[in-house]
PDB file of N, CA and C in Angstrom:
ATOM      1  N   GLN A   1     116.466  93.148 107.377  1.00  0.00           N
ATOM      2  CA  GLN A   1     116.121  94.087 106.351  1.00  0.00           C
ATOM      3  C   GLN A   1     115.785  93.361 105.071  1.00  0.00           C
ATOM      4  N   LEU A   2     114.690  93.865 104.378  1.00  0.00           N
ATOM      5  CA  LEU A   2     114.250  93.212 103.223  1.00  0.00           C
ATOM      6  C   LEU A   2     115.263  93.508 102.007  1.00  0.00           C
ATOM      7  N   ARG A   3     115.429  92.394 101.274  1.00  0.00           N
ATOM      8  CA  ARG A   3     116.396  92.560 100.126  1.00  0.00           C
ATOM      9  C   ARG A   3     115.732  93.149  98.928  1.00  0.00           C
ATOM     10  N   VAL A   4     114.471  93.003  98.670  1.00  0.00           N
ATOM     11  CA  VAL A   4     113.711  93.479  97.598  1.00  0.00           C
ATOM     12  C   VAL A   4     112.424  94.226  98.041  1.00  0.00           C
ATOM     13  N   VAL A   5     112.213  95.420  97.590  1.00  0.00           N
ATOM     14  CA  VAL A   5     111.077  96.178  98.107  1.00  0.00           C
ATOM     15  C   VAL A   5     110.417  96.788  96.872  1.00  0.00           C
ATOM     16  N   GLU A   6     109.183  96.413  96.693  1.00  0.00           N
ATOM     17  CA  GLU A   6     108.338  96.997  95.629  1.00  0.00           C
ATOM     18  C   GLU A   6     107.522  98.085  96.139  1.00  0.00           C
ATOM     19  N   SER A   7     107.128  99.041  95.147  1.00  0.00           N
ATOM     20  CA  SER A   7     106.127 100.101  95.516  1.00  0.00           C
ATOM     21  C   SER A   7     105.549 100.591  94.244  1.00  0.00           C
ATOM     22  N   GLY A   8     104.438 101.345  94.309  1.00  0.00           N
ATOM     23  CA  GLY A   8     103.778 101.965  93.204  1.00  0.00           C
ATOM     24  C   GLY A   8     102.512 101.362  92.735  1.00  0.00           C
ATOM     25  N   GLY A   9     102.119 100.345  93.428  1.00  0.00           N
ATOM     26  CA  GLY A   9     100.857  99.650  92.967  1.00  0.00           C
ATOM     27  C   GLY A   9      99.656 100.500  93.460  1.00  0.00           C
ATOM     28  N   GLY A  10      98.458 100.181  93.018  1.00  0.00           N
ATOM     29  CA  GLY A  10      97.325 100.876  93.409  1.00  0.00           C
ATOM     30  C   GLY A  10      96.080 100.602  92.468  1.00  0.00           C
ATOM     31  N   LEU A  11      95.103 101.424  92.567  1.00  0.00           N
ATOM     32  CA  LEU A  11      93.815 101.246  91.854  1.00  0.00           C
ATOM     33  C   LEU A  11      93.832 102.221  90.723  1.00  0.00           C
ATOM     34  N   VAL A  12      93.643 101.790  89.407  1.00  0.00           N
ATOM     35  CA  VAL A  12      93.540 102.691  88.391  1.00  0.00           C
ATOM     36  C   VAL A  12      92.475 102.198  87.388  1.00  0.00           C
ATOM     37  N   GLN A  13      91.893 103.172  86.687  1.00  0.00           N
ATOM     38  CA  GLN A  13      90.936 102.790  85.631  1.00  0.00           C
ATOM     39  C   GLN A  13      91.593 102.237  84.413  1.00  0.00           C
ATOM     40  N   ALA A  14      90.771 101.392  83.641  1.00  0.00           N
ATOM     41  CA  ALA A  14      91.284 100.899  82.456  1.00  0.00           C
ATOM     42  C   ALA A  14      91.695 101.985  81.525  1.00  0.00           C
ATOM     43  N   GLY A  15      92.874 101.823  80.868  1.00  0.00           N
ATOM     44  CA  GLY A  15      93.438 102.819  80.049  1.00  0.00           C
ATOM     45  C   GLY A  15      94.450 103.692  80.707  1.00  0.00           C
ATOM     46  N   GLY A  16      94.479 103.593  82.026  1.00  0.00           N
ATOM     47  CA  GLY A  16      95.479 104.467  82.739  1.00  0.00           C
ATOM     48  C   GLY A  16      96.893 103.807  82.877  1.00  0.00           C
ATOM     49  N   SER A  17      97.679 104.484  83.631  1.00  0.00           N
ATOM     50  CA  SER A  17      99.091 104.121  83.751  1.00  0.00           C
ATOM     51  C   SER A  17      99.447 104.003  85.252  1.00  0.00           C
ATOM     52  N   LEU A  18     100.483 103.196  85.508  1.00  0.00           N
ATOM     53  CA  LEU A  18     101.038 103.102  86.784  1.00  0.00           C
ATOM     54  C   LEU A  18     102.627 102.800  86.582  1.00  0.00           C
ATOM     55  N   ARG A  19     103.381 103.320  87.543  1.00  0.00           N
ATOM     56  CA  ARG A  19     104.842 102.915  87.461  1.00  0.00           C
ATOM     57  C   ARG A  19     105.229 102.234  88.740  1.00  0.00           C
ATOM     58  N   LEU A  20     105.652 101.004  88.592  1.00  0.00           N
ATOM     59  CA  LEU A  20     106.077 100.201  89.774  1.00  0.00           C
ATOM     60  C   LEU A  20     107.616 100.470  89.978  1.00  0.00           C
ATOM     61  N   SER A  21     108.091 100.540  91.173  1.00  0.00           N
ATOM     62  CA  SER A  21     109.419 100.664  91.464  1.00  0.00           C
ATOM     63  C   SER A  21     109.876  99.469  92.384  1.00  0.00           C
ATOM     64  N   CYS A  22     111.177  99.101  92.188  1.00  0.00           N
ATOM     65  CA  CYS A  22     111.725  98.073  92.978  1.00  0.00           C
ATOM     66  C   CYS A  22     113.070  98.528  93.497  1.00  0.00           C
ATOM     67  N   LYS A  23     113.263  98.495  94.816  1.00  0.00           N
ATOM     68  CA  LYS A  23     114.514  98.877  95.409  1.00  0.00           C
ATOM     69  C   LYS A  23     115.201  97.659  96.002  1.00  0.00           C
ATOM     70  N   PHE A  24     116.519  97.765  95.986  1.00  0.00           N
ATOM     71  CA  PHE A  24     117.399  96.740  96.586  1.00  0.00           C
ATOM     72  C   PHE A  24     118.389  97.280  97.573  1.00  0.00           C
ATOM     73  N   PRO A  25     117.790  97.552  98.828  1.00  0.00           N
ATOM     74  CA  PRO A  25     118.516  98.304  99.808  1.00  0.00           C
ATOM     75  C   PRO A  25     119.741  97.621 100.383  1.00  0.00           C
ATOM     76  N   THR A  26     119.849  96.307 100.187  1.00  0.00           N
ATOM     77  CA  THR A  26     121.046  95.679 100.811  1.00  0.00           C
ATOM     78  C   THR A  26     122.098  95.239  99.706  1.00  0.00           C
ATOM     79  N   THR A  27     121.796  95.723  98.444  1.00  0.00           N
ATOM     80  CA  THR A  27     122.663  95.281  97.359  1.00  0.00           C
ATOM     81  C   THR A  27     123.663  96.278  97.055  1.00  0.00           C
ATOM     82  N   ILE A  28     124.989  95.928  96.968  1.00  0.00           N
ATOM     83  CA  ILE A  28     125.953  96.919  96.554  1.00  0.00           C
ATOM     84  C   ILE A  28     125.933  97.066  95.151  1.00  0.00           C
ATOM     85  N   LEU A  29     126.388  98.209  94.613  1.00  0.00           N
ATOM     86  CA  LEU A  29     126.341  98.700  93.281  1.00  0.00           C
ATOM     87  C   LEU A  29     127.010  97.618  92.350  1.00  0.00           C
ATOM     88  N   SER A  30     128.134  97.111  92.725  1.00  0.00           N
ATOM     89  CA  SER A  30     128.776  96.224  91.815  1.00  0.00           C
ATOM     90  C   SER A  30     127.946  94.924  91.612  1.00  0.00           C
ATOM     91  N   THR A  31     127.319  94.475  92.590  1.00  0.00           N
ATOM     92  CA  THR A  31     126.353  93.307  92.524  1.00  0.00           C
ATOM     93  C   THR A  31     125.178  93.638  91.700  1.00  0.00           C
ATOM     94  N   PHE A  32     124.635  94.885  91.959  1.00  0.00           N
ATOM     95  CA  PHE A  32     123.411  95.365  91.184  1.00  0.00           C
ATOM     96  C   PHE A  32     123.799  95.267  89.749  1.00  0.00           C
ATOM     97  N   ASN A  33     124.901  95.774  89.320  1.00  0.00           N
ATOM     98  CA  ASN A  33     125.259  95.853  87.907  1.00  0.00           C
ATOM     99  C   ASN A  33     125.411  94.416  87.300  1.00  0.00           C
ATOM    100  N   SER A  34     125.538  93.424  87.975  1.00  0.00           N
ATOM    101  CA  SER A  34     125.701  92.097  87.451  1.00  0.00           C
ATOM    102  C   SER A  34     124.396  91.246  87.691  1.00  0.00           C
ATOM    103  N   MET A  35     123.424  91.766  88.185  1.00  0.00           N
ATOM    104  CA  MET A  35     122.162  91.050  88.442  1.00  0.00           C
ATOM    105  C   MET A  35     121.244  91.057  87.185  1.00  0.00           C
ATOM    106  N   ASP A  36     120.504  89.939  87.081  1.00  0.00           N
ATOM    107  CA  ASP A  36     119.340  89.865  86.166  1.00  0.00           C
ATOM    108  C   ASP A  36     118.066  90.167  87.018  1.00  0.00           C
ATOM    109  N   MET A  37     117.163  90.919  86.505  1.00  0.00           N
ATOM    110  CA  MET A  37     115.947  91.238  87.359  1.00  0.00           C
ATOM    111  C   MET A  37     114.712  91.024  86.547  1.00  0.00           C
ATOM    112  N   ALA A  38     113.550  90.900  87.224  1.00  0.00           N
ATOM    113  CA  ALA A  38     112.325  90.678  86.512  1.00  0.00           C
ATOM    114  C   ALA A  38     111.077  91.063  87.343  1.00  0.00           C
ATOM    115  N   TRP A  39     110.080  91.217  86.715  1.00  0.00           N
ATOM    116  CA  TRP A  39     108.728  91.390  87.306  1.00  0.00           C
ATOM    117  C   TRP A  39     107.959  90.233  86.936  1.00  0.00           C
ATOM    118  N   TYR A  40     107.268  89.729  87.932  1.00  0.00           N
ATOM    119  CA  TYR A  40     106.237  88.594  87.809  1.00  0.00           C
ATOM    120  C   TYR A  40     104.923  89.197  88.374  1.00  0.00           C
ATOM    121  N   ARG A  41     103.800  88.478  88.009  1.00  0.00           N
ATOM    122  CA  ARG A  41     102.572  88.817  88.585  1.00  0.00           C
ATOM    123  C   ARG A  41     101.695  87.648  88.835  1.00  0.00           C
ATOM    124  N   GLN A  42     100.876  87.781  89.779  1.00  0.00           N
ATOM    125  CA  GLN A  42      99.923  86.569  90.090  1.00  0.00           C
ATOM    126  C   GLN A  42      98.477  87.173  90.156  1.00  0.00           C
ATOM    127  N   PRO A  43      97.712  86.949  89.082  1.00  0.00           N
ATOM    128  CA  PRO A  43      96.337  87.367  89.048  1.00  0.00           C
ATOM    129  C   PRO A  43      95.534  86.534  90.020  1.00  0.00           C
ATOM    130  N   PRO A  44      94.366  87.078  90.564  1.00  0.00           N
ATOM    131  CA  PRO A  44      93.566  86.243  91.486  1.00  0.00           C
ATOM    132  C   PRO A  44      93.169  84.885  90.917  1.00  0.00           C
ATOM    133  N   GLY A  45      93.481  83.858  91.724  1.00  0.00           N
ATOM    134  CA  GLY A  45      93.036  82.514  91.402  1.00  0.00           C
ATOM    135  C   GLY A  45      93.938  81.864  90.270  1.00  0.00           C
ATOM    136  N   LYS A  46      95.043  82.553  89.929  1.00  0.00           N
ATOM    137  CA  LYS A  46      95.852  82.031  88.761  1.00  0.00           C
ATOM    138  C   LYS A  46      97.300  81.831  89.313  1.00  0.00           C
ATOM    139  N   TYR A  47      98.173  81.190  88.390  1.00  0.00           N
ATOM    140  CA  TYR A  47      99.505  81.014  88.685  1.00  0.00           C
ATOM    141  C   TYR A  47     100.205  82.288  88.455  1.00  0.00           C
ATOM    142  N   ARG A  48     101.406  82.317  89.192  1.00  0.00           N
ATOM    143  CA  ARG A  48     102.415  83.385  88.875  1.00  0.00           C
ATOM    144  C   ARG A  48     102.889  83.320  87.567  1.00  0.00           C
ATOM    145  N   GLU A  49     103.254  84.491  86.854  1.00  0.00           N
ATOM    146  CA  GLU A  49     103.617  84.463  85.508  1.00  0.00           C
ATOM    147  C   GLU A  49     104.651  85.608  85.304  1.00  0.00           C
ATOM    148  N   LEU A  50     105.547  85.310  84.393  1.00  0.00           N
ATOM    149  CA  LEU A  50     106.583  86.372  84.091  1.00  0.00           C
ATOM    150  C   LEU A  50     105.910  87.477  83.303  1.00  0.00           C
ATOM    151  N   VAL A  51     106.256  88.751  83.657  1.00  0.00           N
ATOM    152  CA  VAL A  51     105.811  89.889  82.913  1.00  0.00           C
ATOM    153  C   VAL A  51     106.888  90.467  82.071  1.00  0.00           C
ATOM    154  N   ALA A  52     108.017  90.737  82.665  1.00  0.00           N
ATOM    155  CA  ALA A  52     109.093  91.359  81.960  1.00  0.00           C
ATOM    156  C   ALA A  52     110.539  91.035  82.658  1.00  0.00           C
ATOM    157  N   GLU A  53     111.456  91.007  81.941  1.00  0.00           N
ATOM    158  CA  GLU A  53     112.828  90.734  82.557  1.00  0.00           C
ATOM    159  C   GLU A  53     113.867  91.587  81.842  1.00  0.00           C
ATOM    160  N   ILE A  54     114.902  91.925  82.616  1.00  0.00           N
ATOM    161  CA  ILE A  54     116.001  92.761  82.108  1.00  0.00           C
ATOM    162  C   ILE A  54     117.236  92.097  82.619  1.00  0.00           C
ATOM    163  N   THR A  55     118.170  91.882  81.721  1.00  0.00           N
ATOM    164  CA  THR A  55     119.522  91.283  82.162  1.00  0.00           C
ATOM    165  C   THR A  55     120.408  92.359  82.524  1.00  0.00           C
ATOM    166  N   SER A  56     121.628  91.931  83.073  1.00  0.00           N
ATOM    167  CA  SER A  56     122.597  92.829  83.532  1.00  0.00           C
ATOM    168  C   SER A  56     123.118  93.680  82.264  1.00  0.00           C
ATOM    169  N   GLY A  57     122.993  93.190  81.115  1.00  0.00           N
ATOM    170  CA  GLY A  57     123.443  93.805  79.912  1.00  0.00           C
ATOM    171  C   GLY A  57     122.320  94.617  79.333  1.00  0.00           C
ATOM    172  N   ARG A  58     121.195  94.725  80.022  1.00  0.00           N
ATOM    173  CA  ARG A  58     119.990  95.506  79.618  1.00  0.00           C
ATOM    174  C   ARG A  58     119.230  94.924  78.494  1.00  0.00           C
ATOM    175  N   ASN A  59     119.411  93.705  78.175  1.00  0.00           N
ATOM    176  CA  ASN A  59     118.447  92.951  77.253  1.00  0.00           C
ATOM    177  C   ASN A  59     117.214  92.778  77.974  1.00  0.00           C
ATOM    178  N   THR A  60     116.108  92.938  77.206  1.00  0.00           N
ATOM    179  CA  THR A  60     114.781  92.842  77.825  1.00  0.00           C
ATOM    180  C   THR A  60     113.895  91.847  77.070  1.00  0.00           C
ATOM    181  N   ASN A  61     112.943  91.341  77.880  1.00  0.00           N
ATOM    182  CA  ASN A  61     111.939  90.277  77.333  1.00  0.00           C
ATOM    183  C   ASN A  61     110.633  90.551  77.994  1.00  0.00           C
ATOM    184  N   TYR A  62     109.583  90.391  77.169  1.00  0.00           N
ATOM    185  CA  TYR A  62     108.251  90.682  77.684  1.00  0.00           C
ATOM    186  C   TYR A  62     107.278  89.575  77.384  1.00  0.00           C
ATOM    187  N   ALA A  63     106.288  89.364  78.262  1.00  0.00           N
ATOM    188  CA  ALA A  63     105.171  88.518  78.009  1.00  0.00           C
ATOM    189  C   ALA A  63     104.471  89.081  76.823  1.00  0.00           C
ATOM    190  N   ASP A  64     103.883  88.206  76.046  1.00  0.00           N
ATOM    191  CA  ASP A  64     103.106  88.666  74.836  1.00  0.00           C
ATOM    192  C   ASP A  64     102.001  89.654  75.260  1.00  0.00           C
ATOM    193  N   SER A  65     101.395  89.389  76.363  1.00  0.00           N
ATOM    194  CA  SER A  65     100.206  90.031  76.834  1.00  0.00           C
ATOM    195  C   SER A  65     100.525  91.523  77.145  1.00  0.00           C
ATOM    196  N   VAL A  66     101.777  91.823  77.398  1.00  0.00           N
ATOM    197  CA  VAL A  66     102.109  93.227  77.728  1.00  0.00           C
ATOM    198  C   VAL A  66     102.973  93.932  76.779  1.00  0.00           C
ATOM    199  N   LYS A  67     103.441  93.290  75.765  1.00  0.00           N
ATOM    200  CA  LYS A  67     104.327  93.943  74.778  1.00  0.00           C
ATOM    201  C   LYS A  67     103.619  95.213  74.191  1.00  0.00           C
ATOM    202  N   GLY A  68     104.421  96.264  74.088  1.00  0.00           N
ATOM    203  CA  GLY A  68     103.951  97.506  73.515  1.00  0.00           C
ATOM    204  C   GLY A  68     103.207  98.305  74.577  1.00  0.00           C
ATOM    205  N   ARG A  69     102.949  97.836  75.825  1.00  0.00           N
ATOM    206  CA  ARG A  69     102.230  98.538  76.820  1.00  0.00           C
ATOM    207  C   ARG A  69     103.143  98.763  77.985  1.00  0.00           C
ATOM    208  N   PHE A  70     103.948  97.762  78.375  1.00  0.00           N
ATOM    209  CA  PHE A  70     104.804  97.820  79.549  1.00  0.00           C
ATOM    210  C   PHE A  70     106.284  98.047  79.176  1.00  0.00           C
ATOM    211  N   THR A  71     106.976  98.725  79.981  1.00  0.00           N
ATOM    212  CA  THR A  71     108.460  98.982  79.726  1.00  0.00           C
ATOM    213  C   THR A  71     109.266  98.713  81.004  1.00  0.00           C
ATOM    214  N   ILE A  72     110.145  97.780  80.961  1.00  0.00           N
ATOM    215  CA  ILE A  72     111.092  97.567  82.115  1.00  0.00           C
ATOM    216  C   ILE A  72     112.308  98.313  81.953  1.00  0.00           C
ATOM    217  N   SER A  73     112.812  98.863  83.001  1.00  0.00           N
ATOM    218  CA  SER A  73     114.113  99.652  82.942  1.00  0.00           C
ATOM    219  C   SER A  73     114.771  99.599  84.297  1.00  0.00           C
ATOM    220  N   LYS A  74     115.959 100.061  84.395  1.00  0.00           N
ATOM    221  CA  LYS A  74     116.709 100.109  85.592  1.00  0.00           C
ATOM    222  C   LYS A  74     117.608 101.298  85.711  1.00  0.00           C
ATOM    223  N   TYR A  75     117.876 101.732  86.871  1.00  0.00           N
ATOM    224  CA  TYR A  75     118.660 102.883  87.138  1.00  0.00           C
ATOM    225  C   TYR A  75     119.923 102.429  88.066  1.00  0.00           C
ATOM    226  N   ASN A  76     120.971 102.178  87.436  1.00  0.00           N
ATOM    227  CA  ASN A  76     122.131 101.394  88.220  1.00  0.00           C
ATOM    228  C   ASN A  76     122.564 102.194  89.380  1.00  0.00           C
ATOM    229  N   VAL A  77     122.789 103.511  89.196  1.00  0.00           N
ATOM    230  CA  VAL A  77     123.345 104.328  90.336  1.00  0.00           C
ATOM    231  C   VAL A  77     122.404 104.344  91.513  1.00  0.00           C
ATOM    232  N   LYS A  78     121.076 104.315  91.319  1.00  0.00           N
ATOM    233  CA  LYS A  78     120.113 104.322  92.345  1.00  0.00           C
ATOM    234  C   LYS A  78     119.872 102.930  92.772  1.00  0.00           C
ATOM    235  N   ARG A  79     120.232 101.870  92.169  1.00  0.00           N
ATOM    236  CA  ARG A  79     120.035 100.495  92.465  1.00  0.00           C
ATOM    237  C   ARG A  79     118.458 100.296  92.490  1.00  0.00           C
ATOM    238  N   GLU A  80     117.833 100.730  91.455  1.00  0.00           N
ATOM    239  CA  GLU A  80     116.429 100.602  91.315  1.00  0.00           C
ATOM    240  C   GLU A  80     115.941 100.099  89.926  1.00  0.00           C
ATOM    241  N   MET A  81     114.846  99.403  89.935  1.00  0.00           N
ATOM    242  CA  MET A  81     114.241  98.900  88.709  1.00  0.00           C
ATOM    243  C   MET A  81     112.808  99.405  88.691  1.00  0.00           C
ATOM    244  N   TYR A  82     112.351  99.487  87.306  1.00  0.00           N
ATOM    245  CA  TYR A  82     110.979 100.022  87.224  1.00  0.00           C
ATOM    246  C   TYR A  82     110.157  99.170  86.232  1.00  0.00           C
ATOM    247  N   LEU A  83     108.838  99.361  86.268  1.00  0.00           N
ATOM    248  CA  LEU A  83     107.910  98.860  85.369  1.00  0.00           C
ATOM    249  C   LEU A  83     106.957  99.885  85.039  1.00  0.00           C
ATOM    250  N   GLN A  84     107.013 100.485  83.833  1.00  0.00           N
ATOM    251  CA  GLN A  84     106.122 101.540  83.419  1.00  0.00           C
ATOM    252  C   GLN A  84     105.024 100.662  82.761  1.00  0.00           C
ATOM    253  N   MET A  85     103.698 100.881  83.235  1.00  0.00           N
ATOM    254  CA  MET A  85     102.610 100.204  82.674  1.00  0.00           C
ATOM    255  C   MET A  85     101.614 101.186  82.072  1.00  0.00           C
ATOM    256  N   ASN A  86     101.401 101.108  80.812  1.00  0.00           N
ATOM    257  CA  ASN A  86     100.452 102.067  80.161  1.00  0.00           C
ATOM    258  C   ASN A  86      99.329 101.172  79.594  1.00  0.00           C
ATOM    259  N   ASP A  87      98.185 101.910  79.298  1.00  0.00           N
ATOM    260  CA  ASP A  87      97.053 101.386  78.697  1.00  0.00           C
ATOM    261  C   ASP A  87      96.713 100.089  79.430  1.00  0.00           C
ATOM    262  N   LEU A  88      96.485 100.277  80.718  1.00  0.00           N
ATOM    263  CA  LEU A  88      96.227  99.100  81.641  1.00  0.00           C
ATOM    264  C   LEU A  88      94.834  98.589  81.416  1.00  0.00           C
ATOM    265  N   LYS A  89      94.682  97.205  81.506  1.00  0.00           N
ATOM    266  CA  LYS A  89      93.449  96.499  81.381  1.00  0.00           C
ATOM    267  C   LYS A  89      93.024  95.743  82.575  1.00  0.00           C
ATOM    268  N   PRO A  90      91.824  95.524  82.735  1.00  0.00           N
ATOM    269  CA  PRO A  90      91.299  94.746  83.871  1.00  0.00           C
ATOM    270  C   PRO A  90      92.143  93.453  84.107  1.00  0.00           C
ATOM    271  N   GLU A  91      92.500  92.868  83.032  1.00  0.00           N
ATOM    272  CA  GLU A  91      93.188  91.564  83.125  1.00  0.00           C
ATOM    273  C   GLU A  91      94.620  91.731  83.674  1.00  0.00           C
ATOM    274  N   ASP A  92      95.070  92.950  83.720  1.00  0.00           N
ATOM    275  CA  ASP A  92      96.407  93.288  84.390  1.00  0.00           C
ATOM    276  C   ASP A  92      96.349  93.223  85.839  1.00  0.00           C
ATOM    277  N   THR A  93      95.148  93.147  86.431  1.00  0.00           N
ATOM    278  CA  THR A  93      94.966  93.108  87.866  1.00  0.00           C
ATOM    279  C   THR A  93      95.661  91.947  88.501  1.00  0.00           C
ATOM    280  N   ALA A  94      96.544  92.129  89.389  1.00  0.00           N
ATOM    281  CA  ALA A  94      97.403  91.087  89.965  1.00  0.00           C
ATOM    282  C   ALA A  94      98.197  91.737  91.052  1.00  0.00           C
ATOM    283  N   VAL A  95      98.866  90.759  91.890  1.00  0.00           N
ATOM    284  CA  VAL A  95     100.060  91.180  92.725  1.00  0.00           C
ATOM    285  C   VAL A  95     101.209  91.092  91.905  1.00  0.00           C
ATOM    286  N   TYR A  96     102.029  92.140  91.856  1.00  0.00           N
ATOM    287  CA  TYR A  96     103.214  92.200  91.032  1.00  0.00           C
ATOM    288  C   TYR A  96     104.466  92.017  91.977  1.00  0.00           C
ATOM    289  N   TYR A  97     105.300  91.130  91.569  1.00  0.00           N
ATOM    290  CA  TYR A  97     106.467  90.910  92.370  1.00  0.00           C
ATOM    291  C   TYR A  97     107.785  91.169  91.564  1.00  0.00           C
ATOM    292  N   CYS A  98     108.746  91.687  92.237  1.00  0.00           N
ATOM    293  CA  CYS A  98     110.116  92.034  91.728  1.00  0.00           C
ATOM    294  C   CYS A  98     110.994  90.985  92.184  1.00  0.00           C
ATOM    295  N   THR A  99     111.926  90.492  91.315  1.00  0.00           N
ATOM    296  CA  THR A  99     112.951  89.513  91.608  1.00  0.00           C
ATOM    297  C   THR A  99     114.324  90.018  91.136  1.00  0.00           C
ATOM    298  N   LYS A 100     115.276  89.486  91.916  1.00  0.00           N
ATOM    299  CA  LYS A 100     116.635  89.638  91.368  1.00  0.00           C
ATOM    300  C   LYS A 100     117.383  88.373  91.462  1.00  0.00           C
ATOM    301  N   THR A 101     118.230  88.065  90.506  1.00  0.00           N
ATOM    302  CA  THR A 101     119.003  86.789  90.471  1.00  0.00           C
ATOM    303  C   THR A 101     120.501  87.121  90.332  1.00  0.00           C
ATOM    304  N   HIS A 102     121.231  86.580  91.213  1.00  0.00           N
ATOM    305  CA  HIS A 102     122.773  86.748  91.124  1.00  0.00           C
ATOM    306  C   HIS A 102     123.395  85.514  91.557  1.00  0.00           C
ATOM    307  N   GLN A 103     124.254  85.134  90.821  1.00  0.00           N
ATOM    308  CA  GLN A 103     125.064  83.834  91.081  1.00  0.00           C
ATOM    309  C   GLN A 103     124.027  82.653  91.441  1.00  0.00           C
ATOM    310  N   GLY A 104     123.029  82.494  90.739  1.00  0.00           N
ATOM    311  CA  GLY A 104     122.118  81.393  90.884  1.00  0.00           C
ATOM    312  C   GLY A 104     121.145  81.533  92.035  1.00  0.00           C
ATOM    313  N   GLN A 105     121.196  82.660  92.803  1.00  0.00           N
ATOM    314  CA  GLN A 105     120.242  82.851  93.803  1.00  0.00           C
ATOM    315  C   GLN A 105     119.195  83.854  93.414  1.00  0.00           C
ATOM    316  N   THR A 106     117.943  83.673  93.681  1.00  0.00           N
ATOM    317  CA  THR A 106     116.860  84.566  93.261  1.00  0.00           C
ATOM    318  C   THR A 106     116.187  84.957  94.639  1.00  0.00           C
ATOM    319  N   ASP A 107     116.011  86.267  94.787  1.00  0.00           N
ATOM    320  CA  ASP A 107     115.252  86.859  95.821  1.00  0.00           C
ATOM    321  C   ASP A 107     113.938  87.521  95.246  1.00  0.00           C
ATOM    322  N   TRP A 108     112.893  87.326  96.051  1.00  0.00           N
ATOM    323  CA  TRP A 108     111.575  87.888  95.719  1.00  0.00           C
ATOM    324  C   TRP A 108     111.207  89.011  96.696  1.00  0.00           C
ATOM    325  N   GLY A 109     110.579  89.951  96.211  1.00  0.00           N
ATOM    326  CA  GLY A 109     109.965  90.955  97.066  1.00  0.00           C
ATOM    327  C   GLY A 109     108.559  90.468  97.560  1.00  0.00           C
ATOM    328  N   GLN A 110     107.913  91.291  98.480  1.00  0.00           N
ATOM    329  CA  GLN A 110     106.667  90.800  99.041  1.00  0.00           C
ATOM    330  C   GLN A 110     105.475  91.174  98.120  1.00  0.00           C
ATOM    331  N   GLY A 111     105.610  91.919  97.074  1.00  0.00           N
ATOM    332  CA  GLY A 111     104.591  92.132  96.153  1.00  0.00           C
ATOM    333  C   GLY A 111     103.860  93.444  96.416  1.00  0.00           C
ATOM    334  N   THR A 112     103.336  93.977  95.268  1.00  0.00           N
ATOM    335  CA  THR A 112     102.457  95.181  95.345  1.00  0.00           C
ATOM    336  C   THR A 112     101.257  94.983  94.440  1.00  0.00           C
ATOM    337  N   GLN A 113     100.075  95.366  95.120  1.00  0.00           N
ATOM    338  CA  GLN A 113      98.793  95.065  94.389  1.00  0.00           C
ATOM    339  C   GLN A 113      98.555  96.089  93.275  1.00  0.00           C
ATOM    340  N   VAL A 114      98.117  95.655  92.084  1.00  0.00           N
ATOM    341  CA  VAL A 114      97.676  96.499  91.012  1.00  0.00           C
ATOM    342  C   VAL A 114      96.276  96.077  90.693  1.00  0.00           C
ATOM    343  N   THR A 115      95.298  97.020  90.756  1.00  0.00           N
ATOM    344  CA  THR A 115      93.949  96.714  90.513  1.00  0.00           C
ATOM    345  C   THR A 115      93.518  97.702  89.405  1.00  0.00           C
ATOM    346  N   VAL A 116      93.019  97.059  88.236  1.00  0.00           N
ATOM    347  CA  VAL A 116      92.483  97.874  87.138  1.00  0.00           C
ATOM    348  C   VAL A 116      91.049  97.692  87.044  1.00  0.00           C
ATOM    349  N   SER A 117      90.266  98.892  87.163  1.00  0.00           N
ATOM    350  CA  SER A 117      88.819  98.732  87.095  1.00  0.00           C
ATOM    351  C   SER A 117      88.389  99.043  85.619  1.00  0.00           C
ATOM    352  N   SER A 118      87.196  98.448  85.369  1.00  0.00           N
ATOM    353  CA  SER A 118      86.729  98.555  83.933  1.00  0.00           C
ATOM    354  C   SER A 118      85.764  99.765  83.813  1.00  0.00           C
TER     355      SER A 118
END
């Protein structure tokens, strides 16, 4: 069973919005509450880059390119994390990956494609 499962990607026009979700089906609640989590993305032909991260204490950090447009959040009881993406731009086109880090171990999801047309 996959440890990290992303969903919510798709094709959207520039200026539109998408909400990505990340589920952790094998993670118990107490572990979820102590995890740090993040969203990364890999644009076509480029390296993977950090988009946003959220700590167990709900501190957040964003890449400069998405500040003011993207919001990372989590819902502890559901063991889910989200990335609300507004005012999308063609340069946001990428495969988006969700990660979780606990006790030094990081797990990655398989990714979800986001394509923004101009």
